[in-house]
Amino acid sequence: MGHLLNTQRKSLQLEHAASARGAVKVHPQSLPLGAVVSLCLVVLLCQLLVRSAAAAEPSTLTADLSLPAITNIQQLRLLSREEARRGYPVKVTAVVTYFDLAWSTLFIQDDEAGCFVYVSDKKRRLSAGQRIEIDGRSDTGFVPVIRESRLTVL
């Protein structure tokens, strides 16, 4: 009984500390089951993509000026792994859908598709919903990705 009371007391202390910092606590019981399952799947997918991108072989991109420029993410997604590895020039305007500074994880989406971006500036801060323009080269990860060389917040 004493252990249970100590556990409840610690939980209340953590909740109080979180609310003092302005954090919002969401109780899973208050969410519909479908929303919880969807959220879990999104988090799992993001983790898998980040791990596969980190495990991908080092890039050996060379600038092949004869390759046509990719101007939307759907064109990038249609490349095979071998083609993406050739380093097609990429210039897209998109919206940040997910960014994590600690993991240098950036996902973007344009009107047609979304993709992962290898970021060049490990200290850059971005937020979901920001509109950006990216210049870079195609590369491979779990699927074709962008290896960013210049990023501009619009």
Protein backbone atom coordinates (compact mmCIF):
# COMPACT_ATOMS: atom_id res chain seq x y z
CA MET A 1 0.00 0.00 0.00
CA GLY A 2 2.85 2.39 0.82
CA HIS A 3 4.48 1.72 -2.56
CA LEU A 4 1.23 2.55 -4.37
CA LEU A 5 0.89 5.85 -2.49
CA ASN A 6 4.51 6.78 -3.28
CA THR A 7 3.92 6.04 -6.98
CA GLN A 8 0.76 8.17 -7.03
CA ARG A 9 2.55 11.01 -5.19
CA LYS A 10 5.43 10.96 -7.73
CA SER A 11 2.94 10.97 -10.60
CA LEU A 12 1.17 14.02 -9.15
CA GLN A 13 4.51 15.78 -8.67
CA LEU A 14 5.46 15.13 -12.29
CA GLU A 15 2.05 16.38 -13.50
CA HIS A 16 2.43 19.54 -11.40
CA ALA A 17 5.95 20.17 -12.76
CA ALA A 18 4.74 19.65 -16.35
CA SER A 19 1.81 22.03 -15.92
CA ALA A 20 4.11 24.64 -14.35
CA ARG A 21 6.23 24.53 -17.55
CA GLY A 22 3.12 25.02 -19.69
CA ALA A 23 3.14 21.43 -20.94
CA VAL A 24 -0.14 19.87 -21.92
CA LYS A 25 -0.77 16.35 -20.67
CA VAL A 26 -2.97 14.18 -22.85
CA HIS A 27 -4.47 11.11 -21.28
CA PRO A 28 -4.63 8.24 -23.80
CA GLN A 29 -8.01 7.26 -22.32
CA SER A 30 -9.46 10.56 -23.57
CA LEU A 31 -8.51 9.88 -27.22
CA PRO A 32 -10.44 7.65 -29.62
CA LEU A 33 -8.71 4.30 -30.17
CA GLY A 34 -8.24 5.03 -33.90
CA ALA A 35 -6.38 8.27 -33.15
CA VAL A 36 -4.05 6.51 -30.69
CA VAL A 37 -3.32 3.71 -33.17
CA SER A 38 -2.72 6.22 -36.00
CA LEU A 39 -0.38 8.29 -33.86
CA CYS A 40 1.57 5.19 -32.84
CA LEU A 41 1.91 4.13 -36.48
CA VAL A 42 3.16 7.59 -37.51
CA VAL A 43 5.76 7.61 -34.73
CA LEU A 44 6.88 4.08 -35.64
CA LEU A 45 7.15 4.97 -39.34
CA CYS A 46 9.21 8.08 -38.54
CA GLN A 47 11.58 6.04 -36.38
CA LEU A 48 11.99 3.40 -39.09
CA LEU A 49 12.69 6.01 -41.76
CA VAL A 50 15.23 7.81 -39.59
CA ARG A 51 17.00 4.57 -38.71
CA SER A 52 17.08 3.40 -42.31
CA ALA A 53 18.38 6.79 -43.44
CA ALA A 54 21.10 6.67 -40.79
CA ALA A 55 22.00 3.12 -41.84
CA ALA A 56 22.11 3.98 -45.54
CA GLU A 57 25.49 3.71 -47.19
CA PRO A 58 27.54 6.92 -47.27
CA SER A 59 26.75 9.18 -50.17
CA THR A 60 29.10 9.18 -53.12
CA LEU A 61 27.28 11.87 -55.06
CA THR A 62 29.06 13.61 -57.89
CA ALA A 63 27.60 16.50 -59.81
CA ASP A 64 26.43 15.14 -63.17
CA LEU A 65 25.38 18.27 -65.04
CA SER A 66 23.64 16.23 -67.75
CA LEU A 67 20.90 15.03 -65.36
CA PRO A 68 17.57 16.86 -65.54
CA ALA A 69 16.45 18.87 -62.50
CA ILE A 70 13.77 17.46 -60.20
CA THR A 71 11.21 20.14 -59.37
CA ASN A 72 8.64 18.24 -57.30
CA ILE A 73 8.76 15.43 -54.77
CA GLN A 74 6.66 13.03 -56.87
CA GLN A 75 9.42 13.05 -59.53
CA LEU A 76 11.91 12.16 -56.78
CA ARG A 77 9.72 9.37 -55.40
CA LEU A 78 9.46 7.77 -58.86
CA LEU A 79 13.24 7.28 -59.06
CA SER A 80 14.65 3.82 -58.43
CA ARG A 81 17.34 3.51 -55.74
CA GLU A 82 20.00 3.30 -58.45
CA GLU A 83 18.69 6.40 -60.22
CA ALA A 84 18.34 8.39 -56.96
CA ARG A 85 21.94 7.49 -56.10
CA ARG A 86 23.08 9.28 -59.29
CA GLY A 87 22.49 12.65 -57.58
CA TYR A 88 19.87 14.38 -59.69
CA PRO A 89 19.74 18.12 -58.98
CA VAL A 90 16.68 18.92 -56.86
CA LYS A 91 14.95 22.26 -56.34
CA VAL A 92 11.57 22.05 -54.59
CA THR A 93 9.27 24.30 -52.63
CA ALA A 94 7.50 22.44 -49.85
CA VAL A 95 6.09 22.59 -46.33
CA VAL A 96 7.84 21.19 -43.25
CA THR A 97 5.69 18.36 -41.90
CA TYR A 98 8.09 17.14 -39.18
CA PHE A 99 11.41 18.39 -37.80
CA ASP A 100 13.50 17.15 -34.88
CA LEU A 101 16.66 19.12 -34.14
CA ALA A 102 18.18 16.45 -31.88
CA TRP A 103 17.99 13.82 -34.62
CA SER A 104 18.43 16.22 -37.59
CA THR A 105 15.22 14.75 -38.94
CA LEU A 106 13.30 16.69 -41.58
CA PHE A 107 10.24 15.56 -43.52
CA ILE A 108 8.66 17.80 -46.13
CA GLN A 109 5.67 17.68 -48.44
CA ASP A 110 4.66 19.54 -51.57
CA ASP A 111 1.32 19.37 -53.41
CA GLU A 112 1.99 15.85 -54.66
CA ALA A 113 4.12 13.84 -52.21
CA GLY A 114 6.43 13.91 -49.21
CA CYS A 115 9.99 12.83 -48.44
CA PHE A 116 12.88 12.77 -45.97
CA VAL A 117 15.66 15.37 -46.25
CA TYR A 118 19.27 14.99 -45.11
CA VAL A 119 19.94 18.42 -43.58
CA SER A 120 23.31 20.15 -44.01
CA ASP A 121 23.02 22.58 -41.07
CA LYS A 122 22.69 20.53 -37.88
CA LYS A 123 21.81 23.66 -35.85
CA ARG A 124 19.02 25.00 -38.06
CA ARG A 125 15.63 25.23 -36.34
CA LEU A 126 12.48 24.58 -38.33
CA SER A 127 8.84 24.18 -37.40
CA ALA A 128 6.03 22.13 -38.89
CA GLY A 129 4.01 24.31 -41.27
CA GLN A 130 6.93 26.47 -42.45
CA ARG A 131 7.17 26.91 -46.21
CA ILE A 132 10.69 26.30 -47.50
CA GLU A 133 12.70 26.04 -50.70
CA ILE A 134 15.35 23.34 -50.91
CA ASP A 135 18.25 22.94 -53.33
CA GLY A 136 20.14 19.70 -53.24
CA ARG A 137 20.70 16.32 -54.85
CA SER A 138 18.72 13.11 -54.93
CA ASP A 139 20.08 10.29 -52.79
CA THR A 140 18.90 7.06 -51.23
CA GLY A 141 17.63 6.01 -47.86
CA PHE A 142 14.63 3.77 -47.28
CA VAL A 143 13.19 5.52 -50.37
CA PRO A 144 14.65 8.29 -52.55
CA VAL A 145 15.52 11.33 -50.40
CA ILE A 146 16.98 14.80 -50.80
CA ARG A 147 20.52 15.61 -49.66
CA GLU A 148 20.03 19.33 -49.02
CA SER A 149 22.75 21.84 -49.88
CA ARG A 150 20.72 25.06 -49.41
CA LEU A 151 17.48 25.64 -47.52
CA THR A 152 15.57 28.91 -47.47
CA VAL A 153 12.55 29.64 -45.27
CA LEU A 154 10.01 31.51 -47.40
